[in-house]
């Protein structure tokens, strides 16, 4: 039954974001925010890329399959992946 609670948002514990408002880094006019997720003693690489486009804040969330042993390693890799996404796609990530 615990899987049903997790599926429908009930119960405590489980996998949670390591930090709701994680560390940020600027790159080419974009802001990358690291939001690693704790999973089974490791941290999944997750982040949010934001930028003001035509006066409106735009946001792109990414979740990678990569898991790291420490939160700091996950944050570092999140910034690397975020920079790569920005370099490859630029504003196209928003739409």
PDB file of N, CA and C in Angstrom:
ATOM      1  N   UNK A   1       0.804  -1.206   0.000  1.00  0.00           N
ATOM      2  CA  UNK A   1       0.000   0.000   0.000  1.00  0.00           C
ATOM      3  C   UNK A   1       0.844   1.266   0.000  1.00  0.00           C
ATOM      4  N   UNK A   2       2.079   1.182   0.459  1.00  0.00           N
ATOM      5  CA  UNK A   2       2.904   2.391   0.511  1.00  0.00           C
ATOM      6  C   UNK A   2       3.145   2.967  -0.878  1.00  0.00           C
ATOM      7  N   UNK A   3       3.180   2.097  -1.902  1.00  0.00           N
ATOM      8  CA  UNK A   3       3.385   2.633  -3.247  1.00  0.00           C
ATOM      9  C   UNK A   3       2.196   3.458  -3.691  1.00  0.00           C
ATOM     10  N   UNK A   4       0.988   3.124  -3.213  1.00  0.00           N
ATOM     11  CA  UNK A   4      -0.200   3.917  -3.542  1.00  0.00           C
ATOM     12  C   UNK A   4      -0.129   5.292  -2.882  1.00  0.00           C
ATOM     13  N   UNK A   5       0.365   5.329  -1.643  1.00  0.00           N
ATOM     14  CA  UNK A   5       0.510   6.617  -0.971  1.00  0.00           C
ATOM     15  C   UNK A   5       1.491   7.506  -1.713  1.00  0.00           C
ATOM     16  N   UNK A   6       2.600   6.936  -2.150  1.00  0.00           N
ATOM     17  CA  UNK A   6       3.585   7.713  -2.909  1.00  0.00           C
ATOM     18  C   UNK A   6       3.005   8.174  -4.239  1.00  0.00           C
ATOM     19  N   UNK A   7       2.261   7.277  -4.884  1.00  0.00           N
ATOM     20  CA  UNK A   7       1.680   7.600  -6.182  1.00  0.00           C
ATOM     21  C   UNK A   7       0.691   8.755  -6.093  1.00  0.00           C
ATOM     22  N   UNK A   8      -0.097   8.785  -5.037  1.00  0.00           N
ATOM     23  CA  UNK A   8      -1.118   9.815  -4.893  1.00  0.00           C
ATOM     24  C   UNK A   8      -0.737  10.924  -3.920  1.00  0.00           C
ATOM     25  N   UNK A   9       0.537  10.979  -3.535  1.00  0.00           N
ATOM     26  CA  UNK A   9       1.029  12.092  -2.735  1.00  0.00           C
ATOM     27  C   UNK A   9       0.802  11.966  -1.246  1.00  0.00           C
ATOM     28  N   UNK A  10       0.382  10.834  -0.768  1.00  0.00           N
ATOM     29  CA  UNK A  10       0.156  10.681   0.661  1.00  0.00           C
ATOM     30  C   UNK A  10       1.401  10.206   1.377  1.00  0.00           C
ATOM     31  N   UNK A  11       1.377  10.295   2.682  1.00  0.00           N
ATOM     32  CA  UNK A  11       2.486   9.793   3.488  1.00  0.00           C
ATOM     33  C   UNK A  11       3.688  10.700   3.467  1.00  0.00           C
ATOM     34  N   UNK A  12       4.552  10.500   4.413  1.00  0.00           N
ATOM     35  CA  UNK A  12       5.771  11.315   4.493  1.00  0.00           C
ATOM     36  C   UNK A  12       6.955  10.539   3.989  1.00  0.00           C
ATOM     37  N   UNK A  13       8.092  11.157   4.078  1.00  0.00           N
ATOM     38  CA  UNK A  13       9.322  10.498   3.668  1.00  0.00           C
ATOM     39  C   UNK A  13       9.408  10.356   2.162  1.00  0.00           C
ATOM     40  N   UNK A  14      10.218   9.414   1.740  1.00  0.00           N
ATOM     41  CA  UNK A  14      10.354   9.176   0.307  1.00  0.00           C
ATOM     42  C   UNK A  14      11.337  10.133  -0.327  1.00  0.00           C
ATOM     43  N   UNK A  15      11.324  10.164  -1.639  1.00  0.00           N
ATOM     44  CA  UNK A  15      12.248  11.001  -2.394  1.00  0.00           C
ATOM     45  C   UNK A  15      11.764  12.437  -2.410  1.00  0.00           C
ATOM     46  N   UNK A  16      12.630  13.326  -1.990  1.00  0.00           N
ATOM     47  CA  UNK A  16      12.284  14.739  -1.912  1.00  0.00           C
ATOM     48  C   UNK A  16      13.397  15.561  -2.518  1.00  0.00           C
ATOM     49  N   UNK A  17      13.073  16.732  -3.064  1.00  0.00           N
ATOM     50  CA  UNK A  17      14.150  17.610  -3.527  1.00  0.00           C
ATOM     51  C   UNK A  17      15.076  17.960  -2.382  1.00  0.00           C
ATOM     52  N   UNK A  18      16.382  17.993  -2.664  1.00  0.00           N
ATOM     53  CA  UNK A  18      17.362  18.308  -1.626  1.00  0.00           C
ATOM     54  C   UNK A  18      17.236  19.753  -1.185  1.00  0.00           C
ATOM     55  N   UNK A  19      16.824  20.628  -2.087  1.00  0.00           N
ATOM     56  CA  UNK A  19      16.668  22.039  -1.747  1.00  0.00           C
ATOM     57  C   UNK A  19      15.644  22.659  -2.686  1.00  0.00           C
ATOM     58  N   UNK A  20      14.617  23.262  -2.130  1.00  0.00           N
ATOM     59  CA  UNK A  20      13.594  23.889  -2.956  1.00  0.00           C
ATOM     60  C   UNK A  20      14.186  25.062  -3.736  1.00  0.00           C
ATOM     61  N   UNK A  21      14.983  25.867  -3.081  1.00  0.00           N
ATOM     62  CA  UNK A  21      15.645  26.994  -3.736  1.00  0.00           C
ATOM     63  C   UNK A  21      17.142  26.739  -3.687  1.00  0.00           C
ATOM     64  N   UNK A  22      17.618  25.971  -4.666  1.00  0.00           N
ATOM     65  CA  UNK A  22      19.018  25.569  -4.669  1.00  0.00           C
ATOM     66  C   UNK A  22      19.945  26.665  -5.149  1.00  0.00           C
ATOM     67  N   UNK A  23      21.242  26.352  -5.175  1.00  0.00           N
ATOM     68  CA  UNK A  23      22.233  27.321  -5.635  1.00  0.00           C
ATOM     69  C   UNK A  23      22.032  27.640  -7.112  1.00  0.00           C
ATOM     70  N   UNK A  24      22.443  28.845  -7.499  1.00  0.00           N
ATOM     71  CA  UNK A  24      22.258  29.272  -8.887  1.00  0.00           C
ATOM     72  C   UNK A  24      23.592  29.649  -9.518  1.00  0.00           C
ATOM     73  N   UNK A  25      23.578  29.680 -10.838  1.00  0.00           N
ATOM     74  CA  UNK A  25      24.745  30.081 -11.609  1.00  0.00           C
ATOM     75  C   UNK A  25      24.240  30.767 -12.879  1.00  0.00           C
ATOM     76  N   UNK A  26      24.858  31.886 -13.252  1.00  0.00           N
ATOM     77  CA  UNK A  26      24.502  32.595 -14.480  1.00  0.00           C
ATOM     78  C   UNK A  26      25.344  32.069 -15.629  1.00  0.00           C
ATOM     79  N   UNK A  27      24.700  31.970 -16.818  1.00  0.00           N
ATOM     80  CA  UNK A  27      25.416  31.538 -18.016  1.00  0.00           C
ATOM     81  C   UNK A  27      24.732  32.130 -19.241  1.00  0.00           C
ATOM     82  N   UNK A  28      25.410  33.019 -19.920  1.00  0.00           N
ATOM     83  CA  UNK A  28      24.940  33.638 -21.161  1.00  0.00           C
ATOM     84  C   UNK A  28      23.543  34.250 -21.043  1.00  0.00           C
ATOM     85  N   UNK A  29      23.269  34.904 -19.928  1.00  0.00           N
ATOM     86  CA  UNK A  29      21.979  35.557 -19.738  1.00  0.00           C
ATOM     87  C   UNK A  29      20.894  34.657 -19.173  1.00  0.00           C
ATOM     88  N   UNK A  30      21.198  33.403 -18.947  1.00  0.00           N
ATOM     89  CA  UNK A  30      20.275  32.448 -18.340  1.00  0.00           C
ATOM     90  C   UNK A  30      20.699  32.250 -16.884  1.00  0.00           C
ATOM     91  N   UNK A  31      19.779  31.783 -16.065  1.00  0.00           N
ATOM     92  CA  UNK A  31      20.100  31.419 -14.684  1.00  0.00           C
ATOM     93  C   UNK A  31      19.806  29.929 -14.535  1.00  0.00           C
ATOM     94  N   UNK A  32      20.807  29.191 -14.078  1.00  0.00           N
ATOM     95  CA  UNK A  32      20.657  27.759 -13.823  1.00  0.00           C
ATOM     96  C   UNK A  32      20.529  27.580 -12.321  1.00  0.00           C
ATOM     97  N   UNK A  33      19.465  26.907 -11.878  1.00  0.00           N
ATOM     98  CA  UNK A  33      19.279  26.612 -10.452  1.00  0.00           C
ATOM     99  C   UNK A  33      19.367  25.104 -10.269  1.00  0.00           C
ATOM    100  N   UNK A  34      20.272  24.650  -9.430  1.00  0.00           N
ATOM    101  CA  UNK A  34      20.430  23.226  -9.135  1.00  0.00           C
ATOM    102  C   UNK A  34      19.386  22.800  -8.119  1.00  0.00           C
ATOM    103  N   UNK A  35      18.660  21.730  -8.434  1.00  0.00           N
ATOM    104  CA  UNK A  35      17.631  21.198  -7.533  1.00  0.00           C
ATOM    105  C   UNK A  35      17.793  19.673  -7.429  1.00  0.00           C
ATOM    106  N   UNK A  36      18.946  19.196  -6.919  1.00  0.00           N
ATOM    107  CA  UNK A  36      19.163  17.749  -6.858  1.00  0.00           C
ATOM    108  C   UNK A  36      18.101  17.065  -6.008  1.00  0.00           C
ATOM    109  N   UNK A  37      17.759  15.832  -6.397  1.00  0.00           N
ATOM    110  CA  UNK A  37      16.736  15.065  -5.699  1.00  0.00           C
ATOM    111  C   UNK A  37      17.397  13.867  -5.019  1.00  0.00           C
ATOM    112  N   UNK A  38      17.130  13.707  -3.730  1.00  0.00           N
ATOM    113  CA  UNK A  38      17.662  12.587  -2.969  1.00  0.00           C
ATOM    114  C   UNK A  38      16.894  11.316  -3.331  1.00  0.00           C
ATOM    115  N   UNK A  39      17.640  10.293  -3.755  1.00  0.00           N
ATOM    116  CA  UNK A  39      17.031   9.003  -4.117  1.00  0.00           C
ATOM    117  C   UNK A  39      17.908   7.868  -3.625  1.00  0.00           C
ATOM    118  N   UNK A  40      17.444   7.145  -2.661  1.00  0.00           N
ATOM    119  CA  UNK A  40      18.155   5.959  -2.193  1.00  0.00           C
ATOM    120  C   UNK A  40      19.590   6.197  -1.769  1.00  0.00           C
ATOM    121  N   UNK A  41      19.858   7.279  -1.087  1.00  0.00           N
ATOM    122  CA  UNK A  41      21.196   7.575  -0.609  1.00  0.00           C
ATOM    123  C   UNK A  41      22.088   8.267  -1.627  1.00  0.00           C
ATOM    124  N   UNK A  42      21.551   8.532  -2.812  1.00  0.00           N
ATOM    125  CA  UNK A  42      22.290   9.260  -3.834  1.00  0.00           C
ATOM    126  C   UNK A  42      21.477  10.481  -4.237  1.00  0.00           C
ATOM    127  N   UNK A  43      22.036  11.304  -5.131  1.00  0.00           N
ATOM    128  CA  UNK A  43      21.352  12.513  -5.579  1.00  0.00           C
ATOM    129  C   UNK A  43      21.220  12.516  -7.095  1.00  0.00           C
ATOM    130  N   UNK A  44      19.990  12.635  -7.579  1.00  0.00           N
ATOM    131  CA  UNK A  44      19.722  12.714  -9.009  1.00  0.00           C
ATOM    132  C   UNK A  44      19.980  14.144  -9.480  1.00  0.00           C
ATOM    133  N   UNK A  45      20.571  14.269 -10.659  1.00  0.00           N
ATOM    134  CA  UNK A  45      20.897  15.563 -11.249  1.00  0.00           C
ATOM    135  C   UNK A  45      19.625  16.170 -11.831  1.00  0.00           C
ATOM    136  N   UNK A  46      19.177  17.284 -11.251  1.00  0.00           N
ATOM    137  CA  UNK A  46      17.980  17.998 -11.697  1.00  0.00           C
ATOM    138  C   UNK A  46      18.239  19.497 -11.586  1.00  0.00           C
ATOM    139  N   UNK A  47      17.600  20.257 -12.457  1.00  0.00           N
ATOM    140  CA  UNK A  47      17.785  21.695 -12.401  1.00  0.00           C
ATOM    141  C   UNK A  47      16.703  22.448 -13.151  1.00  0.00           C
ATOM    142  N   UNK A  48      16.749  23.759 -13.018  1.00  0.00           N
ATOM    143  CA  UNK A  48      15.806  24.654 -13.674  1.00  0.00           C
ATOM    144  C   UNK A  48      16.607  25.756 -14.348  1.00  0.00           C
ATOM    145  N   UNK A  49      16.293  26.017 -15.613  1.00  0.00           N
ATOM    146  CA  UNK A  49      16.922  27.108 -16.359  1.00  0.00           C
ATOM    147  C   UNK A  49      15.867  28.182 -16.556  1.00  0.00           C
ATOM    148  N   UNK A  50      16.178  29.419 -16.179  1.00  0.00           N
ATOM    149  CA  UNK A  50      15.225  30.519 -16.336  1.00  0.00           C
ATOM    150  C   UNK A  50      15.858  31.666 -17.112  1.00  0.00           C
ATOM    151  N   UNK A  51      14.972  32.449 -17.742  1.00  0.00           N
ATOM    152  CA  UNK A  51      15.407  33.639 -18.465  1.00  0.00           C
ATOM    153  C   UNK A  51      14.175  34.493 -18.748  1.00  0.00           C
ATOM    154  N   UNK A  52      14.364  35.801 -18.721  1.00  0.00           N
ATOM    155  CA  UNK A  52      13.294  36.712 -19.122  1.00  0.00           C
ATOM    156  C   UNK A  52      13.295  36.812 -20.638  1.00  0.00           C
ATOM    157  N   UNK A  53      12.159  36.477 -21.255  1.00  0.00           N
ATOM    158  CA  UNK A  53      11.997  36.542 -22.707  1.00  0.00           C
ATOM    159  C   UNK A  53      10.812  37.449 -22.998  1.00  0.00           C
ATOM    160  N   UNK A  54      11.074  38.550 -23.655  1.00  0.00           N
ATOM    161  CA  UNK A  54      10.027  39.528 -23.987  1.00  0.00           C
ATOM    162  C   UNK A  54       9.261  39.984 -22.747  1.00  0.00           C
ATOM    163  N   UNK A  55       9.979  40.193 -21.660  1.00  0.00           N
ATOM    164  CA  UNK A  55       9.375  40.693 -20.431  1.00  0.00           C
ATOM    165  C   UNK A  55       8.687  39.640 -19.574  1.00  0.00           C
ATOM    166  N   UNK A  56       8.688  38.389 -20.024  1.00  0.00           N
ATOM    167  CA  UNK A  56       8.057  37.318 -19.253  1.00  0.00           C
ATOM    168  C   UNK A  56       9.119  36.313 -18.819  1.00  0.00           C
ATOM    169  N   UNK A  57       9.025  35.880 -17.587  1.00  0.00           N
ATOM    170  CA  UNK A  57       9.962  34.878 -17.077  1.00  0.00           C
ATOM    171  C   UNK A  57       9.617  33.530 -17.689  1.00  0.00           C
ATOM    172  N   UNK A  58      10.594  32.891 -18.313  1.00  0.00           N
ATOM    173  CA  UNK A  58      10.408  31.564 -18.896  1.00  0.00           C
ATOM    174  C   UNK A  58      11.239  30.582 -18.092  1.00  0.00           C
ATOM    175  N   UNK A  59      10.765  29.356 -17.992  1.00  0.00           N
ATOM    176  CA  UNK A  59      11.415  28.356 -17.154  1.00  0.00           C
ATOM    177  C   UNK A  59      11.449  27.014 -17.865  1.00  0.00           C
ATOM    178  N   UNK A  60      12.570  26.323 -17.756  1.00  0.00           N
ATOM    179  CA  UNK A  60      12.744  24.988 -18.336  1.00  0.00           C
ATOM    180  C   UNK A  60      13.325  24.098 -17.244  1.00  0.00           C
ATOM    181  N   UNK A  61      12.646  23.006 -16.947  1.00  0.00           N
ATOM    182  CA  UNK A  61      13.087  22.073 -15.914  1.00  0.00           C
ATOM    183  C   UNK A  61      13.682  20.837 -16.581  1.00  0.00           C
ATOM    184  N   UNK A  62      14.823  20.385 -16.080  1.00  0.00           N
ATOM    185  CA  UNK A  62      15.408  19.161 -16.619  1.00  0.00           C
ATOM    186  C   UNK A  62      15.756  18.191 -15.503  1.00  0.00           C
ATOM    187  N   UNK A  63      15.569  16.901 -15.799  1.00  0.00           N
ATOM    188  CA  UNK A  63      15.881  15.808 -14.879  1.00  0.00           C
ATOM    189  C   UNK A  63      16.745  14.825 -15.646  1.00  0.00           C
ATOM    190  N   UNK A  64      17.901  14.525 -15.130  1.00  0.00           N
ATOM    191  CA  UNK A  64      18.818  13.600 -15.779  1.00  0.00           C
ATOM    192  C   UNK A  64      18.786  12.247 -15.073  1.00  0.00           C
ATOM    193  N   UNK A  65      19.194  11.222 -15.768  1.00  0.00           N
ATOM    194  CA  UNK A  65      19.270   9.887 -15.175  1.00  0.00           C
ATOM    195  C   UNK A  65      20.490   9.765 -14.255  1.00  0.00           C
ATOM    196  N   UNK A  66      21.438  10.703 -14.392  1.00  0.00           N
ATOM    197  CA  UNK A  66      22.677  10.649 -13.611  1.00  0.00           C
ATOM    198  C   UNK A  66      22.399  10.758 -12.115  1.00  0.00           C
ATOM    199  N   UNK A  67      23.070   9.905 -11.350  1.00  0.00           N
ATOM    200  CA  UNK A  67      23.010   9.975  -9.887  1.00  0.00           C
ATOM    201  C   UNK A  67      24.428  10.096  -9.360  1.00  0.00           C
ATOM    202  N   UNK A  68      24.575  10.904  -8.331  1.00  0.00           N
ATOM    203  CA  UNK A  68      25.892  11.137  -7.737  1.00  0.00           C
ATOM    204  C   UNK A  68      25.846  10.757  -6.258  1.00  0.00           C
ATOM    205  N   UNK A  69      27.016  10.421  -5.727  1.00  0.00           N
ATOM    206  CA  UNK A  69      27.103  10.002  -4.327  1.00  0.00           C
ATOM    207  C   UNK A  69      26.889  11.164  -3.358  1.00  0.00           C
ATOM    208  N   UNK A  70      27.289  12.374  -3.768  1.00  0.00           N
ATOM    209  CA  UNK A  70      27.137  13.510  -2.864  1.00  0.00           C
ATOM    210  C   UNK A  70      26.304  14.609  -3.508  1.00  0.00           C
ATOM    211  N   UNK A  71      25.710  15.402  -2.668  1.00  0.00           N
ATOM    212  CA  UNK A  71      24.891  16.530  -3.134  1.00  0.00           C
ATOM    213  C   UNK A  71      25.739  17.533  -3.907  1.00  0.00           C
ATOM    214  N   UNK A  72      26.946  17.811  -3.419  1.00  0.00           N
ATOM    215  CA  UNK A  72      27.822  18.771  -4.094  1.00  0.00           C
ATOM    216  C   UNK A  72      28.202  18.306  -5.502  1.00  0.00           C
ATOM    217  N   UNK A  73      28.450  16.999  -5.662  1.00  0.00           N
ATOM    218  CA  UNK A  73      28.752  16.464  -6.991  1.00  0.00           C
ATOM    219  C   UNK A  73      27.553  16.612  -7.925  1.00  0.00           C
ATOM    220  N   UNK A  74      26.360  16.368  -7.393  1.00  0.00           N
ATOM    221  CA  UNK A  74      25.143  16.506  -8.195  1.00  0.00           C
ATOM    222  C   UNK A  74      24.931  17.956  -8.617  1.00  0.00           C
ATOM    223  N   UNK A  75      25.218  18.888  -7.729  1.00  0.00           N
ATOM    224  CA  UNK A  75      25.083  20.313  -8.048  1.00  0.00           C
ATOM    225  C   UNK A  75      26.073  20.703  -9.143  1.00  0.00           C
ATOM    226  N   UNK A  76      27.317  20.269  -9.013  1.00  0.00           N
ATOM    227  CA  UNK A  76      28.329  20.571 -10.033  1.00  0.00           C
ATOM    228  C   UNK A  76      27.928  20.019 -11.395  1.00  0.00           C
ATOM    229  N   UNK A  77      27.453  18.776 -11.429  1.00  0.00           N
ATOM    230  CA  UNK A  77      27.050  18.174 -12.696  1.00  0.00           C
ATOM    231  C   UNK A  77      25.795  18.844 -13.261  1.00  0.00           C
ATOM    232  N   UNK A  78      24.903  19.293 -12.380  1.00  0.00           N
ATOM    233  CA  UNK A  78      23.714  20.024 -12.828  1.00  0.00           C
ATOM    234  C   UNK A  78      24.118  21.297 -13.562  1.00  0.00           C
ATOM    235  N   UNK A  79      25.080  22.028 -13.024  1.00  0.00           N
ATOM    236  CA  UNK A  79      25.547  23.240 -13.695  1.00  0.00           C
ATOM    237  C   UNK A  79      26.198  22.908 -15.043  1.00  0.00           C
ATOM    238  N   UNK A  80      26.968  21.834 -15.097  1.00  0.00           N
ATOM    239  CA  UNK A  80      27.589  21.422 -16.367  1.00  0.00           C
ATOM    240  C   UNK A  80      26.520  21.088 -17.401  1.00  0.00           C
ATOM    241  N   UNK A  81      25.529  20.298 -17.009  1.00  0.00           N
ATOM    242  CA  UNK A  81      24.463  19.906 -17.940  1.00  0.00           C
ATOM    243  C   UNK A  81      23.634  21.120 -18.348  1.00  0.00           C
ATOM    244  N   UNK A  82      23.369  22.010 -17.409  1.00  0.00           N
ATOM    245  CA  UNK A  82      22.611  23.226 -17.721  1.00  0.00           C
ATOM    246  C   UNK A  82      23.336  24.095 -18.733  1.00  0.00           C
ATOM    247  N   UNK A  83      24.638  24.276 -18.553  1.00  0.00           N
ATOM    248  CA  UNK A  83      25.428  25.058 -19.517  1.00  0.00           C
ATOM    249  C   UNK A  83      25.410  24.403 -20.892  1.00  0.00           C
ATOM    250  N   UNK A  84      25.500  23.090 -20.933  1.00  0.00           N
ATOM    251  CA  UNK A  84      25.475  22.355 -22.195  1.00  0.00           C
ATOM    252  C   UNK A  84      24.133  22.549 -22.911  1.00  0.00           C
ATOM    253  N   UNK A  85      23.040  22.452 -22.170  1.00  0.00           N
ATOM    254  CA  UNK A  85      21.707  22.666 -22.751  1.00  0.00           C
ATOM    255  C   UNK A  85      21.607  24.071 -23.336  1.00  0.00           C
ATOM    256  N   UNK A  86      22.064  25.059 -22.586  1.00  0.00           N
ATOM    257  CA  UNK A  86      22.014  26.451 -23.047  1.00  0.00           C
ATOM    258  C   UNK A  86      22.876  26.634 -24.292  1.00  0.00           C
ATOM    259  N   UNK A  87      24.085  26.083 -24.279  1.00  0.00           N
ATOM    260  CA  UNK A  87      24.998  26.239 -25.413  1.00  0.00           C
ATOM    261  C   UNK A  87      24.429  25.570 -26.673  1.00  0.00           C
ATOM    262  N   UNK A  88      23.778  24.431 -26.514  1.00  0.00           N
ATOM    263  CA  UNK A  88      23.255  23.701 -27.667  1.00  0.00           C
ATOM    264  C   UNK A  88      21.926  24.256 -28.180  1.00  0.00           C
ATOM    265  N   UNK A  89      21.050  24.718 -27.265  1.00  0.00           N
ATOM    266  CA  UNK A  89      19.694  25.064 -27.669  1.00  0.00           C
ATOM    267  C   UNK A  89      19.313  26.526 -27.502  1.00  0.00           C
ATOM    268  N   UNK A  90      19.957  27.237 -26.606  1.00  0.00           N
ATOM    269  CA  UNK A  90      19.618  28.643 -26.390  1.00  0.00           C
ATOM    270  C   UNK A  90      18.151  28.834 -26.032  1.00  0.00           C
ATOM    271  N   UNK A  91      17.519  29.858 -26.595  1.00  0.00           N
ATOM    272  CA  UNK A  91      16.111  30.156 -26.284  1.00  0.00           C
ATOM    273  C   UNK A  91      15.139  29.098 -26.784  1.00  0.00           C
ATOM    274  N   UNK A  92      15.574  28.201 -27.655  1.00  0.00           N
ATOM    275  CA  UNK A  92      14.685  27.157 -28.182  1.00  0.00           C
ATOM    276  C   UNK A  92      14.181  26.231 -27.082  1.00  0.00           C
ATOM    277  N   UNK A  93      14.858  26.165 -25.944  1.00  0.00           N
ATOM    278  CA  UNK A  93      14.395  25.266 -24.866  1.00  0.00           C
ATOM    279  C   UNK A  93      13.030  25.685 -24.336  1.00  0.00           C
ATOM    280  N   UNK A  94      12.648  26.930 -24.592  1.00  0.00           N
ATOM    281  CA  UNK A  94      11.374  27.425 -24.064  1.00  0.00           C
ATOM    282  C   UNK A  94      10.213  27.219 -25.034  1.00  0.00           C
ATOM    283  N   UNK A  95      10.442  26.610 -26.143  1.00  0.00           N
ATOM    284  CA  UNK A  95       9.265  26.443 -26.947  1.00  0.00           C
ATOM    285  C   UNK A  95       9.425  26.018 -28.312  1.00  0.00           C
TER     286      UNK A  95
END
